Amino acid sequence: MGHGPVGADGTGATGLPARIGGYAVERELGAGGMGTVYLARSRGGRAVAVKVARPELAGDAHFRERFRAEVAAARSVGGFHTAPVVDADPEAAAPWLATAYIPGPTLARLLEAEGPRDEAALRQLGAALAEALAAIHRCGLVHRDLKPGNIIMASDGPRVLDFGIARALESTRLTATGTAFGTPGFLAPEQALGQEVDGAADVFALGAVLVAAAGGSAFGGGTPIGLMYRSVHEAPDLSAVPDGLRPVLASCLAKDPAERPTPARLLDLFVPDTAPPQTPTVPVAPVVPAVSVAPVTPVVPAFVAPPPPAYAPSGAAVPLHQAPTAIAGVPDGDLVFTAVTARRSVVIDAAGVALGSDTGDLEFPWPTIAAVEYAALGPKVLTVTVRLHDGAVHQWYLEARRRSLLREWLEDLPLVLEYYA
């Protein structure tokens, strides 16, 4: 597929980069929290999805350091149910990552088009996702953002995308919701509370994914802060889940990470192995009397060449499954500040400021806000004050679980407020 002449800045006539590393760019697939995603091809014709970091991430030393480490780990992830990382350049002016192109719709699009899955399909999906998480966790990675938009329903089974990326983005502390902290609705309580996470957070997300695949929503709808609050404090809604799967998904969605099953245990729960163990045996040919026979010329079967691999044709429409996804209601790529404690929360995004508590939420659109002020009260307490044009003042106090978390809040707030001011 032609790209036209290449400009002095390396872009083609269409404004797309002509090449990224050794890959010829064909078209843009989408943009999101990390940056822009392109469909590209190797010199041998292999289709890949190349994710290029946003300029502000490229200039962040912490992002580059974490990205370098996470890419090295992600390269080692195998298994049937992931999109393998095939190339990357953390040292490029704009760091990039290439994964194998996997044709197929996302689980989110498939559910939108075809509706909920039945129990048999849910069990197969759960087993496939458990195998993918087991492969990811064996390499020391935690996905952190498993959701229907990151799962490709390929012809040979589900594939999980974007493992190893969220951790690098999290190191910047200034990212789009759905990349650094996970996606509300699929977000484990320990993530919402700013605590350290391990593979149990991915198991929680797997449970929420299967509730969505059954036609439900584990923590309802509404604002991101409402979803996060319910994931921390309320039991999941499993009413859409078939009876036979409710105990399994309830265990996945346990508030305490230690109470959630491992991916290996989930395989047994989703698809029990009922076949008895088999001892391999070596067949022994029976002894027969020797018979003198004429020599026989062996017949060698004709060689049958395997079919060529299926590549996405250059002129075909490419499904947007490789593009990063965003939370419903939050424009893709917009910056979000999130501070959550056990009883209170503050979210600042493109819509305005939301103050949440266990007694209710307050939401203030930007046109109504005259000023937003913040300060540290002691080593762990943050105060955020919202002043409205009508003279009303709302002040919120949040107590961080650790001092380093308060420092992160104080680093993020001025950047996000400046972005929207």
Protein backbone atom coordinates (compact mmCIF):
# COMPACT_ATOMS: atom_id res chain seq x y z
CA MET A 1 0.00 0.00 0.00
CA GLY A 2 1.54 3.32 -1.02
CA HIS A 3 2.08 6.20 1.34
CA GLY A 4 3.03 9.00 -1.01
CA PRO A 5 6.16 11.09 -0.68
CA VAL A 6 7.92 11.29 2.66
CA GLY A 7 8.34 14.75 4.16
CA ALA A 8 11.40 16.13 5.88
CA ASP A 9 9.90 15.23 9.27
CA GLY A 10 9.43 11.58 8.26
CA THR A 11 5.71 11.83 7.65
CA GLY A 12 3.96 10.82 4.45
CA ALA A 13 1.53 12.84 2.39
CA THR A 14 -1.32 11.67 4.62
CA GLY A 15 0.34 13.05 7.76
CA LEU A 16 1.09 9.57 9.08
CA PRO A 17 4.66 8.55 9.90
CA ALA A 18 6.07 6.71 6.90
CA ARG A 19 7.90 4.17 9.05
CA ILE A 20 8.20 3.28 12.72
CA GLY A 21 11.37 1.32 13.29
CA GLY A 22 11.44 -1.27 10.52
CA TYR A 23 7.67 -1.17 9.91
CA ALA A 24 5.85 0.63 7.09
CA VAL A 25 2.79 2.41 8.44
CA GLU A 26 -0.48 1.82 6.60
CA ARG A 27 -3.08 3.62 8.67
CA GLU A 28 -3.97 4.87 12.12
CA LEU A 29 -6.07 2.50 14.20
CA GLY A 30 -6.82 4.81 17.11
CA ALA A 31 -5.46 6.85 19.99
CA GLY A 32 -5.72 6.59 23.74
CA GLY A 33 -3.95 6.83 27.08
CA MET A 34 -0.53 5.67 25.87
CA GLY A 35 -0.56 7.40 22.52
CA THR A 36 -1.39 6.47 18.93
CA VAL A 37 -1.81 2.99 17.47
CA TYR A 38 -0.95 2.24 13.83
CA LEU A 39 -1.42 -0.73 11.56
CA ALA A 40 1.99 -1.41 10.00
CA ARG A 41 3.84 -4.16 8.14
CA SER A 42 7.25 -5.68 8.37
CA ARG A 43 9.38 -5.93 5.23
CA GLY A 44 8.22 -9.53 4.91
CA GLY A 45 4.56 -8.53 4.98
CA ARG A 46 3.67 -9.36 8.59
CA ALA A 47 0.89 -7.17 10.00
CA VAL A 48 1.58 -5.60 13.40
CA ALA A 49 -0.07 -3.07 15.67
CA VAL A 50 2.46 -0.41 16.70
CA LYS A 51 1.72 1.71 19.78
CA VAL A 52 3.68 4.98 19.93
CA ALA A 53 3.94 6.91 23.21
CA ARG A 54 2.48 10.39 23.58
CA PRO A 55 5.06 13.22 23.47
CA GLU A 56 4.61 14.03 27.18
CA LEU A 57 5.28 10.39 28.06
CA ALA A 58 8.35 10.30 25.82
CA GLY A 59 9.86 13.08 27.93
CA ASP A 60 9.18 11.31 31.24
CA ALA A 61 12.27 9.49 32.50
CA HIS A 62 10.22 7.32 34.89
CA PHE A 63 8.02 6.17 32.02
CA ARG A 64 10.99 5.20 29.88
CA GLU A 65 12.64 3.26 32.70
CA ARG A 66 9.47 1.33 33.55
CA PHE A 67 8.56 0.85 29.87
CA ARG A 68 11.97 -0.67 29.20
CA ALA A 69 11.59 -3.16 32.04
CA GLU A 70 8.00 -4.05 31.24
CA VAL A 71 8.71 -4.61 27.54
CA ALA A 72 11.57 -6.96 28.44
CA ALA A 73 9.20 -8.98 30.63
CA ALA A 74 6.33 -8.85 28.12
CA ARG A 75 8.52 -10.37 25.40
CA SER A 76 8.74 -13.55 27.45
CA VAL A 77 4.97 -14.01 27.77
CA GLY A 78 3.81 -17.02 25.78
CA GLY A 79 0.66 -19.07 25.81
CA PHE A 80 -2.27 -19.45 23.46
CA HIS A 81 -4.28 -16.46 24.61
CA THR A 82 -2.10 -13.35 24.34
CA ALA A 83 -1.02 -11.10 21.46
CA PRO A 84 2.77 -11.52 21.52
CA VAL A 85 5.12 -8.56 21.69
CA VAL A 86 7.29 -8.85 18.59
CA ASP A 87 9.39 -5.67 18.73
CA ALA A 88 9.91 -2.45 20.68
CA ASP A 89 12.26 0.51 21.00
CA PRO A 90 12.17 2.13 24.47
CA GLU A 91 15.09 4.38 23.46
CA ALA A 92 13.41 5.96 20.41
CA ALA A 93 12.49 9.66 20.46
CA ALA A 94 8.92 8.40 20.84
CA PRO A 95 9.08 4.95 22.48
CA TRP A 96 7.03 2.31 20.69
CA LEU A 97 5.85 -1.26 21.05
CA ALA A 98 4.75 -3.66 18.31
CA THR A 99 2.45 -6.62 18.89
CA ALA A 100 1.25 -9.23 16.43
CA TYR A 101 -1.91 -8.12 14.64
CA ILE A 102 -4.82 -10.31 15.72
CA PRO A 103 -7.87 -10.06 13.43
CA GLY A 104 -11.22 -10.12 15.18
CA PRO A 105 -13.61 -7.94 17.18
CA THR A 106 -13.09 -7.04 20.80
CA LEU A 107 -15.25 -8.80 23.34
CA ALA A 108 -16.96 -5.45 23.94
CA ARG A 109 -17.97 -5.15 20.28
CA LEU A 110 -19.00 -8.78 20.09
CA LEU A 111 -21.30 -8.41 23.08
CA GLU A 112 -22.77 -5.24 21.60
CA ALA A 113 -23.46 -7.03 18.31
CA GLU A 114 -24.55 -10.47 19.53
CA GLY A 115 -25.64 -10.03 23.14
CA PRO A 116 -24.80 -12.06 26.27
CA ARG A 117 -22.99 -15.40 26.23
CA ASP A 118 -24.55 -18.60 27.60
CA GLU A 119 -23.01 -20.64 30.43
CA ALA A 120 -20.97 -22.92 28.17
CA ALA A 121 -19.47 -19.95 26.31
CA LEU A 122 -18.79 -18.14 29.59
CA ARG A 123 -16.92 -21.15 30.96
CA GLN A 124 -14.76 -21.39 27.83
CA LEU A 125 -14.07 -17.65 27.92
CA GLY A 126 -13.19 -17.82 31.61
CA ALA A 127 -10.83 -20.74 31.06
CA ALA A 128 -9.09 -18.95 28.17
CA LEU A 129 -8.64 -15.77 30.21
CA ALA A 130 -7.34 -17.81 33.16
CA GLU A 131 -4.72 -19.39 30.89
CA ALA A 132 -3.74 -15.95 29.58
CA LEU A 133 -3.38 -14.53 33.10
CA ALA A 134 -1.34 -17.55 34.18
CA ALA A 135 1.09 -16.93 31.30
CA ILE A 136 1.32 -13.22 32.14
CA HIS A 137 1.80 -13.77 35.88
CA ARG A 138 4.50 -16.42 35.33
CA CYS A 139 6.62 -13.69 33.73
CA GLY A 140 6.27 -11.41 36.75
CA LEU A 141 3.71 -9.11 35.13
CA VAL A 142 0.29 -7.95 36.28
CA HIS A 143 -2.08 -6.79 33.53
CA ARG A 144 -3.87 -4.13 35.66
CA ASP A 145 -6.46 -3.27 32.99
CA LEU A 146 -8.24 -6.44 31.86
CA LYS A 147 -11.60 -5.47 30.34
CA PRO A 148 -13.78 -6.38 27.33
CA GLY A 149 -12.04 -3.75 25.19
CA ASN A 150 -8.65 -5.44 25.74
CA ILE A 151 -9.80 -8.92 24.72
CA ILE A 152 -9.86 -9.94 21.05
CA MET A 153 -12.26 -12.70 20.05
CA ALA A 154 -10.01 -14.24 17.41
CA SER A 155 -10.97 -17.22 15.27
CA ASP A 156 -8.77 -19.53 17.39
CA GLY A 157 -9.92 -18.19 20.76
CA PRO A 158 -9.74 -15.06 22.93
CA ARG A 159 -6.49 -13.06 23.03
CA VAL A 160 -5.51 -10.57 25.75
CA LEU A 161 -3.89 -7.30 24.67
CA ASP A 162 -1.85 -4.58 26.38
CA PHE A 163 -0.33 -6.63 29.21
CA GLY A 164 2.72 -4.93 30.70
CA ILE A 165 1.75 -1.44 29.49
CA ALA A 166 -0.32 -0.20 32.42
CA ARG A 167 2.58 -0.49 34.86
CA ALA A 168 4.79 1.72 32.71
CA LEU A 169 2.01 4.28 32.36
CA GLU A 170 1.37 4.17 36.10
CA SER A 171 4.93 5.32 36.74
CA THR A 172 4.14 8.69 35.14
CA ARG A 173 1.27 9.37 37.59
CA LEU A 174 -0.30 11.55 34.90
CA THR A 175 -2.30 9.31 32.64
CA ALA A 176 -5.69 8.68 31.19
CA THR A 177 -8.18 6.74 33.26
CA GLY A 178 -8.27 3.15 32.07
CA THR A 179 -4.50 2.87 31.71
CA ALA A 180 -2.77 3.83 34.94
CA PHE A 181 -5.31 2.81 37.51
CA GLY A 182 -7.46 0.38 35.56
CA THR A 183 -11.01 0.90 34.36
CA PRO A 184 -13.73 1.56 36.96
CA GLY A 185 -16.19 -1.29 36.85
CA PHE A 186 -13.32 -3.76 36.40
CA LEU A 187 -11.06 -2.19 39.01
CA ALA A 188 -10.08 -4.17 42.12
CA PRO A 189 -10.66 -2.47 45.49
CA GLU A 190 -6.94 -2.37 46.24
CA GLN A 191 -6.35 -0.48 42.98
CA ALA A 192 -9.10 2.02 43.75
CA LEU A 193 -7.55 2.61 47.18
CA GLY A 194 -4.07 3.21 45.75
CA GLN A 195 -2.55 0.09 47.33
CA GLU A 196 0.02 -2.24 45.84
CA VAL A 197 -1.49 -4.86 43.53
CA ASP A 198 -0.58 -8.34 42.37
CA GLY A 199 -2.15 -10.96 40.13
CA ALA A 200 -5.25 -11.11 42.36
CA ALA A 201 -6.32 -7.74 40.90
CA ASP A 202 -6.43 -9.35 37.45
CA VAL A 203 -8.60 -12.18 38.81
CA PHE A 204 -11.02 -9.57 40.14
CA ALA A 205 -11.14 -7.97 36.67
CA LEU A 206 -11.68 -11.39 35.09
CA GLY A 207 -14.73 -11.86 37.29
CA ALA A 208 -16.13 -8.47 36.25
CA VAL A 209 -15.44 -9.27 32.57
CA LEU A 210 -17.48 -12.47 32.78
CA VAL A 211 -20.34 -10.64 34.50
CA ALA A 212 -20.33 -8.21 31.54
CA ALA A 213 -20.20 -11.12 29.08
CA ALA A 214 -23.27 -12.56 30.80
CA GLY A 215 -25.13 -9.31 30.12
CA GLY A 216 -24.71 -7.67 33.52
CA SER A 217 -22.53 -5.11 35.26
CA ALA A 218 -20.85 -6.15 38.50
CA PHE A 219 -20.99 -2.66 39.99
CA GLY A 220 -23.72 -0.97 37.99
CA GLY A 221 -23.29 2.15 35.89
CA GLY A 222 -22.85 5.87 36.41
CA THR A 223 -19.76 7.93 37.14
CA PRO A 224 -16.26 6.47 37.52
CA ILE A 225 -16.18 7.48 41.17
CA GLY A 226 -19.50 5.72 41.83
CA LEU A 227 -18.20 2.54 40.22
CA MET A 228 -15.01 2.66 42.26
CA TYR A 229 -16.91 3.28 45.49
CA ARG A 230 -19.18 0.30 44.90
CA SER A 231 -16.25 -1.97 44.01
CA VAL A 232 -14.70 -1.15 47.41
CA HIS A 233 -17.81 -1.16 49.60
CA GLU A 234 -20.67 -3.07 47.95
CA ALA A 235 -21.30 -6.66 46.90
CA PRO A 236 -21.24 -7.30 43.14
CA ASP A 237 -24.48 -7.69 41.21
CA LEU A 238 -24.46 -11.25 39.83
CA SER A 239 -28.13 -11.39 38.83
CA ALA A 240 -27.29 -11.78 35.11
CA VAL A 241 -24.87 -14.67 35.73
CA PRO A 242 -26.07 -18.27 35.27
CA ASP A 243 -26.58 -20.01 38.63
CA GLY A 244 -23.82 -22.52 38.01
CA LEU A 245 -21.20 -19.78 37.69
CA ARG A 246 -22.25 -17.44 40.49
CA PRO A 247 -20.11 -19.01 43.24
CA VAL A 248 -17.01 -18.89 41.03
CA LEU A 249 -17.48 -15.25 40.03
CA ALA A 250 -18.36 -14.27 43.59
CA SER A 251 -14.98 -15.67 44.68
CA CYS A 252 -13.20 -13.77 41.88
CA LEU A 253 -14.86 -10.54 43.06
CA ALA A 254 -14.00 -10.99 46.75
CA LYS A 255 -12.91 -7.73 48.41
CA ASP A 256 -9.90 -9.41 50.03
CA PRO A 257 -7.29 -10.36 47.39
CA ALA A 258 -6.25 -13.37 49.48
CA GLU A 259 -9.74 -14.86 49.09
CA ARG A 260 -9.67 -14.86 45.28
CA PRO A 261 -8.74 -18.05 43.40
CA THR A 262 -5.56 -18.31 41.37
CA PRO A 263 -5.76 -18.63 37.57
CA ALA A 264 -4.79 -22.30 37.91
CA ARG A 265 -7.64 -22.91 40.33
CA LEU A 266 -10.04 -21.05 38.02
CA LEU A 267 -9.24 -23.49 35.21
CA ASP A 268 -10.49 -26.33 37.40
CA LEU A 269 -13.59 -24.37 38.35
CA PHE A 270 -14.52 -23.31 34.82
CA VAL A 271 -13.66 -26.53 32.98
CA PRO A 272 -13.28 -29.41 35.45
CA ASP A 273 -10.90 -32.12 34.27
CA THR A 274 -13.01 -35.24 34.79
CA ALA A 275 -10.86 -37.62 32.74
CA PRO A 276 -8.87 -40.13 34.85
CA PRO A 277 -5.08 -39.80 34.68
CA GLN A 278 -3.57 -41.91 31.96
CA THR A 279 -0.26 -43.78 32.15
CA PRO A 280 1.50 -43.65 28.79
CA THR A 281 2.16 -47.08 27.37
CA VAL A 282 4.42 -48.29 24.62
CA PRO A 283 2.72 -50.69 22.22
CA VAL A 284 4.57 -53.98 21.73
CA ALA A 285 4.28 -55.72 18.38
CA PRO A 286 3.12 -59.32 18.61
CA VAL A 287 5.66 -62.03 17.85
CA VAL A 288 4.91 -63.80 14.56
CA PRO A 289 6.76 -66.51 12.73
CA ALA A 290 9.36 -65.32 10.27
CA VAL A 291 8.12 -65.49 6.72
CA SER A 292 10.33 -65.06 3.68
CA VAL A 293 8.92 -62.29 1.54
CA ALA A 294 10.14 -60.31 -1.41
CA PRO A 295 11.59 -56.89 -0.57
CA VAL A 296 9.10 -54.04 -0.84
CA THR A 297 10.04 -50.58 -2.01
CA PRO A 298 8.72 -48.11 0.58
CA VAL A 299 6.19 -45.60 -0.63
CA VAL A 300 6.99 -42.04 0.46
CA PRO A 301 3.92 -39.82 0.72
CA ALA A 302 3.98 -36.68 -1.35
CA PHE A 303 4.94 -33.59 0.64
CA VAL A 304 2.02 -31.23 1.25
CA ALA A 305 3.06 -27.65 1.88
CA PRO A 306 1.26 -25.98 4.81
CA PRO A 307 -1.09 -23.14 3.89
CA PRO A 308 0.46 -19.68 3.97
CA PRO A 309 -0.22 -17.59 7.09
CA ALA A 310 -3.26 -15.34 6.89
CA TYR A 311 -2.29 -11.70 6.82
CA ALA A 312 -4.66 -8.79 6.94
CA PRO A 313 -4.86 -7.63 3.27
CA SER A 314 -3.53 -4.17 2.68
CA GLY A 315 -6.77 -2.86 1.21
CA ALA A 316 -9.11 -4.50 3.72
CA ALA A 317 -10.92 -2.65 6.46
CA VAL A 318 -9.11 -3.19 9.75
CA PRO A 319 -11.19 -3.66 12.92
CA LEU A 320 -10.25 -1.13 15.57
CA HIS A 321 -9.51 -3.79 18.12
CA GLN A 322 -5.93 -2.68 18.68
CA ALA A 323 -6.87 0.87 19.62
CA PRO A 324 -6.80 1.69 23.35
CA THR A 325 -10.24 1.97 24.86
CA ALA A 326 -11.68 4.55 27.23
CA ILE A 327 -14.31 4.61 29.93
CA ALA A 328 -17.81 5.41 28.77
CA GLY A 329 -18.46 9.08 29.41
CA VAL A 330 -14.80 10.08 29.51
CA PRO A 331 -13.32 11.30 26.19
CA ASP A 332 -10.48 9.06 25.07
CA GLY A 333 -7.10 10.44 26.06
CA ASP A 334 -8.33 13.06 28.54
CA LEU A 335 -6.30 13.36 31.74
CA VAL A 336 -7.94 12.37 34.99
CA PHE A 337 -6.90 12.96 38.60
CA THR A 338 -8.21 10.32 40.99
CA ALA A 339 -7.75 10.25 44.77
CA VAL A 340 -9.67 7.57 46.64
CA THR A 341 -9.74 6.64 50.34
CA ALA A 342 -11.96 4.23 52.22
CA ARG A 343 -14.68 6.88 52.75
CA ARG A 344 -14.02 9.77 50.35
CA SER A 345 -12.80 10.48 46.84
CA VAL A 346 -11.97 13.26 44.39
CA VAL A 347 -12.07 12.92 40.60
CA ILE A 348 -11.07 15.78 38.27
CA ASP A 349 -11.55 15.25 34.54
CA ALA A 350 -12.79 16.96 31.39
CA ALA A 351 -16.32 17.18 32.80
CA GLY A 352 -15.37 18.94 36.04
CA VAL A 353 -14.86 17.96 39.66
CA ALA A 354 -16.63 15.10 41.46
CA LEU A 355 -16.48 14.78 45.26
CA GLY A 356 -17.59 11.37 46.51
CA SER A 357 -18.34 9.98 49.95
CA ASP A 358 -20.19 7.09 51.54
CA THR A 359 -23.21 9.39 51.99
CA GLY A 360 -23.41 10.66 48.39
CA ASP A 361 -21.63 12.36 45.49
CA LEU A 362 -21.31 16.00 44.47
CA GLU A 363 -20.53 16.84 40.83
CA PHE A 364 -19.55 20.32 39.57
CA PRO A 365 -19.17 21.00 35.81
CA TRP A 366 -16.34 23.35 34.87
CA PRO A 367 -18.67 26.24 33.83
CA THR A 368 -19.94 26.42 37.43
CA ILE A 369 -16.47 26.43 39.04
CA ALA A 370 -14.65 29.66 39.91
CA ALA A 371 -11.58 28.06 41.48
CA VAL A 372 -10.15 24.77 42.76
CA GLU A 373 -7.67 24.97 45.64
CA TYR A 374 -5.72 22.28 47.44
CA ALA A 375 -3.30 21.94 50.35
CA ALA A 376 -1.60 19.34 52.54
CA LEU A 377 -2.65 19.21 56.17
CA GLY A 378 0.00 17.20 57.93
CA PRO A 379 1.91 14.28 56.40
CA LYS A 380 -1.09 12.33 55.07
CA VAL A 381 -4.12 14.61 54.67
CA LEU A 382 -5.12 16.38 51.46
CA THR A 383 -7.77 19.10 51.38
CA VAL A 384 -9.46 20.10 48.10
CA THR A 385 -11.67 23.19 48.01
CA VAL A 386 -14.09 23.88 45.15
CA ARG A 387 -15.37 27.48 44.88
CA LEU A 388 -18.39 28.03 42.66
CA HIS A 389 -19.45 31.14 40.77
CA ASP A 390 -22.60 31.36 42.89
CA GLY A 391 -20.45 31.81 46.03
CA ALA A 392 -20.84 28.27 47.38
CA VAL A 393 -17.73 26.59 48.77
CA HIS A 394 -17.21 22.82 49.14
CA GLN A 395 -14.20 21.47 51.00
CA TRP A 396 -13.12 17.80 50.97
CA TYR A 397 -10.57 16.07 53.19
CA LEU A 398 -8.85 12.83 52.20
CA GLU A 399 -6.47 10.87 54.40
CA ALA A 400 -3.89 8.92 52.41
CA ARG A 401 -2.83 5.48 53.61
CA ARG A 402 0.82 6.40 53.22
CA ARG A 403 2.90 9.57 52.86
CA SER A 404 4.12 8.66 49.40
CA LEU A 405 0.52 8.57 48.14
CA LEU A 406 -0.09 12.11 49.39
CA ARG A 407 3.08 13.23 47.56
CA GLU A 408 1.76 11.65 44.36
CA TRP A 409 -1.55 13.49 44.73
CA LEU A 410 0.29 16.78 45.25
CA GLU A 411 2.42 16.15 42.14
CA ASP A 412 -0.58 15.31 39.95
CA LEU A 413 -3.04 18.00 41.01
CA PRO A 414 -1.26 21.10 39.63
CA LEU A 415 -0.60 19.36 36.31
CA VAL A 416 -4.22 18.25 35.83
CA LEU A 417 -5.65 21.59 36.97
CA GLU A 418 -3.32 23.46 34.64
CA TYR A 419 -4.38 21.16 31.80
CA TYR A 420 -8.04 22.06 32.23
CA ALA A 421 -7.52 25.70 33.18
